[in-house]
Amino acid sequence: MHGTRVLADFMESNHFKPLVVTGAVITVSSSRRPGTDTSGKTLIDLLSAAGIEVTHYAVIPDDLERIRSEVHTAVSRATCVIVTGGTGLTPDDVTIEAVAPLLEKTIDGFGELFRLKSYEEIGTSAILSRAIAGVIAGRAVFCIPGSTKAVTLAAREIIIPEIRHILTHAGAGQR
């Protein structure tokens, strides 16, 4: 047991450097507004409960250039950007097409783990999720489905537990 604690202390000192995590939430939807955006509000509540101040929030339409512009704004204001909605297969779902080319590095394990956890909840419909994550300018960017159940799963089970680890490796605070 003592050896485990030494390893934990070693991991802590080498992988979790002190940094302040700030959040941005972008909801992509042609039908939601800030007053009806339950998924965005859920994300803000979950981040706030984890001690992550949300410094940027927007609800924008399914428009490729508008999404890119909003992501650029968000990465200038926060270290953890979560884009929710527009990740499906319908013709107007363009979040992935907008954000993927902006990513300097991808975090492939995020989408894989999200789909695995989704599969445990919703079965084979999880294959419809195109959730992705990556890094832009030392900031972590996540694109997740827009349902409240999906944002809760992603934030509570993956993003919040790993965000400091991700940002430490991404070089947040070193720019």
Protein backbone atom coordinates (compact mmCIF):
# COMPACT_ATOMS: atom_id res chain seq x y z
CA MET A 1 0.00 0.00 0.00
CA HIS A 2 2.86 2.37 0.80
CA GLY A 3 4.29 1.81 -2.70
CA THR A 4 0.97 2.80 -4.22
CA ARG A 5 0.98 6.10 -2.31
CA VAL A 6 4.53 6.84 -3.47
CA LEU A 7 3.45 6.18 -7.06
CA ALA A 8 0.40 8.41 -6.57
CA ASP A 9 2.61 11.19 -5.16
CA PHE A 10 4.97 10.77 -8.12
CA MET A 11 2.09 10.86 -10.61
CA GLU A 12 0.58 13.87 -8.86
CA SER A 13 3.79 15.86 -9.00
CA ASN A 14 4.58 14.97 -12.60
CA HIS A 15 1.17 14.95 -14.26
CA PHE A 16 -1.09 17.34 -12.37
CA LYS A 17 0.61 20.69 -12.25
CA PRO A 18 -1.31 23.51 -10.60
CA LEU A 19 -3.49 25.31 -13.10
CA VAL A 20 -6.78 27.10 -13.14
CA VAL A 21 -9.38 25.45 -15.35
CA THR A 22 -11.98 27.70 -16.92
CA GLY A 23 -14.88 26.50 -19.02
CA ALA A 24 -16.72 27.53 -22.15
CA VAL A 25 -20.00 26.04 -23.28
CA ILE A 26 -21.21 26.39 -26.86
CA THR A 27 -24.59 24.96 -27.77
CA VAL A 28 -25.11 24.38 -31.49
CA SER A 29 -28.80 24.34 -32.31
CA SER A 30 -31.22 25.96 -34.70
CA SER A 31 -34.10 25.54 -32.24
CA ARG A 32 -32.67 26.24 -28.78
CA ARG A 33 -32.20 29.63 -27.17
CA PRO A 34 -30.43 30.43 -23.87
CA GLY A 35 -33.77 30.15 -22.04
CA THR A 36 -34.52 26.69 -23.47
CA ASP A 37 -30.99 25.28 -23.52
CA THR A 38 -31.26 22.59 -20.84
CA SER A 39 -28.10 20.80 -22.03
CA GLY A 40 -26.01 23.97 -21.89
CA LYS A 41 -27.37 24.82 -18.44
CA THR A 42 -26.62 21.28 -17.28
CA LEU A 43 -23.01 21.62 -18.47
CA ILE A 44 -22.61 24.98 -16.76
CA ASP A 45 -24.02 23.53 -13.51
CA LEU A 46 -21.75 20.46 -13.66
CA LEU A 47 -18.63 22.52 -14.40
CA SER A 48 -19.48 25.03 -11.66
CA ALA A 49 -20.07 22.23 -9.14
CA ALA A 50 -16.58 20.92 -10.00
CA GLY A 51 -15.05 24.33 -9.26
CA ILE A 52 -14.64 25.26 -12.92
CA GLU A 53 -15.73 28.82 -13.64
CA VAL A 54 -17.62 29.14 -16.93
CA THR A 55 -16.21 32.23 -18.64
CA HIS A 56 -18.00 31.90 -21.99
CA TYR A 57 -21.43 30.68 -23.06
CA ALA A 58 -23.20 30.90 -26.41
CA VAL A 59 -26.08 29.32 -28.30
CA ILE A 60 -25.46 29.42 -32.04
CA PRO A 61 -27.09 27.96 -35.16
CA ASP A 62 -25.83 24.95 -37.12
CA ASP A 63 -23.51 26.96 -39.34
CA LEU A 64 -19.94 25.85 -40.09
CA GLU A 65 -18.32 29.30 -40.11
CA ARG A 66 -20.28 30.49 -37.08
CA ILE A 67 -19.19 27.40 -35.13
CA ARG A 68 -15.53 27.98 -36.05
CA SER A 69 -15.73 31.62 -35.07
CA GLU A 70 -17.34 30.80 -31.73
CA VAL A 71 -14.72 28.11 -30.97
CA HIS A 72 -11.94 30.64 -31.67
CA THR A 73 -13.60 33.09 -29.27
CA ALA A 74 -14.07 30.38 -26.63
CA VAL A 75 -10.43 29.19 -26.70
CA SER A 76 -9.37 32.79 -26.09
CA ARG A 77 -11.53 32.88 -22.96
CA ALA A 78 -11.34 29.36 -21.45
CA THR A 79 -9.09 26.32 -21.15
CA CYS A 80 -11.88 23.73 -21.48
CA VAL A 81 -14.31 24.27 -24.34
CA ILE A 82 -17.35 22.03 -24.69
CA VAL A 83 -19.38 22.22 -27.88
CA THR A 84 -22.70 20.42 -27.59
CA GLY A 85 -25.02 19.60 -30.46
CA GLY A 86 -24.65 19.25 -34.20
CA THR A 87 -22.68 16.01 -33.96
CA GLY A 88 -25.21 13.68 -35.60
CA LEU A 89 -25.68 12.52 -39.17
CA THR A 90 -28.36 14.88 -40.46
CA PRO A 91 -27.35 17.31 -43.23
CA ASP A 92 -27.38 20.30 -40.84
CA ASP A 93 -25.12 18.55 -38.27
CA VAL A 94 -21.79 20.27 -39.07
CA THR A 95 -20.10 20.65 -35.68
CA ILE A 96 -17.54 17.93 -36.37
CA GLU A 97 -16.78 19.29 -39.85
CA ALA A 98 -16.34 22.77 -38.36
CA VAL A 99 -14.15 21.84 -35.39
CA ALA A 100 -12.06 18.84 -36.51
CA PRO A 101 -9.85 20.87 -38.92
CA LEU A 102 -9.08 23.34 -36.10
CA LEU A 103 -7.66 20.67 -33.78
CA GLU A 104 -3.87 20.67 -33.54
CA LYS A 105 -3.93 17.27 -31.84
CA THR A 106 -6.81 14.86 -31.40
CA ILE A 107 -7.75 12.98 -28.25
CA ASP A 108 -9.09 9.85 -29.96
CA GLY A 109 -9.68 8.05 -26.68
CA PHE A 110 -12.36 10.57 -25.72
CA GLY A 111 -14.70 9.63 -28.57
CA GLU A 112 -13.97 5.95 -28.09
CA LEU A 113 -14.66 6.08 -24.35
CA PHE A 114 -17.77 8.25 -24.81
CA ARG A 115 -19.22 5.75 -27.29
CA LEU A 116 -18.39 2.84 -24.96
CA LYS A 117 -20.13 4.53 -22.02
CA SER A 118 -23.03 5.51 -24.29
CA TYR A 119 -23.32 1.92 -25.49
CA GLU A 120 -23.71 0.82 -21.88
CA GLU A 121 -26.69 3.20 -21.57
CA ILE A 122 -28.36 3.22 -25.01
CA GLY A 123 -27.05 0.14 -26.82
CA THR A 124 -25.98 0.05 -30.43
CA SER A 125 -27.43 3.51 -31.18
CA ALA A 126 -24.14 4.77 -29.73
CA ILE A 127 -22.56 4.25 -33.17
CA LEU A 128 -24.41 7.39 -34.34
CA SER A 129 -22.28 9.55 -32.03
CA ARG A 130 -19.42 11.39 -33.71
CA ALA A 131 -18.10 12.82 -30.44
CA ILE A 132 -14.51 14.06 -30.73
CA ALA A 133 -11.96 15.97 -28.68
CA GLY A 134 -8.62 17.60 -29.20
CA VAL A 135 -6.35 20.50 -28.43
CA ILE A 136 -6.21 24.03 -29.83
CA ALA A 137 -3.50 26.36 -28.48
CA GLY A 138 -3.10 24.33 -25.29
CA ARG A 139 -6.85 24.33 -24.68
CA ALA A 140 -9.01 21.18 -24.59
CA VAL A 141 -11.99 21.17 -26.96
CA PHE A 142 -14.77 18.57 -26.74
CA CYS A 143 -17.62 18.07 -29.22
CA ILE A 144 -20.49 16.05 -27.80
CA PRO A 145 -24.11 15.31 -28.67
CA GLY A 146 -26.74 17.80 -27.57
CA SER A 147 -28.99 15.66 -25.40
CA THR A 148 -28.98 16.40 -21.69
CA LYS A 149 -28.25 12.72 -20.98
CA ALA A 150 -25.20 12.81 -23.30
CA VAL A 151 -23.75 16.03 -21.85
CA THR A 152 -24.21 14.71 -18.32
CA LEU A 153 -22.44 11.46 -19.21
CA ALA A 154 -19.55 13.19 -21.00
CA ALA A 155 -18.99 15.88 -18.38
CA ARG A 156 -19.48 13.82 -15.24
CA GLU A 157 -17.76 10.60 -16.31
CA ILE A 158 -14.96 11.77 -18.63
CA ILE A 159 -14.31 15.50 -19.03
CA ILE A 160 -14.39 16.70 -15.42
CA PRO A 161 -12.37 13.79 -14.00
CA GLU A 162 -9.65 14.15 -16.68
CA ILE A 163 -9.55 17.85 -17.57
CA ARG A 164 -6.58 18.83 -15.38
CA HIS A 165 -4.61 15.84 -16.64
CA ILE A 166 -5.45 16.71 -20.26
CA LEU A 167 -4.54 20.38 -19.84
CA THR A 168 -1.26 19.57 -18.12
CA HIS A 169 -0.22 17.47 -21.10
CA ALA A 170 -1.60 20.01 -23.58
CA GLY A 171 0.60 22.72 -22.10
CA ALA A 172 -2.17 24.94 -20.70
CA GLY A 173 -0.79 27.85 -18.76
CA GLN A 174 2.54 27.64 -20.61
CA ARG A 175 1.50 29.94 -23.44
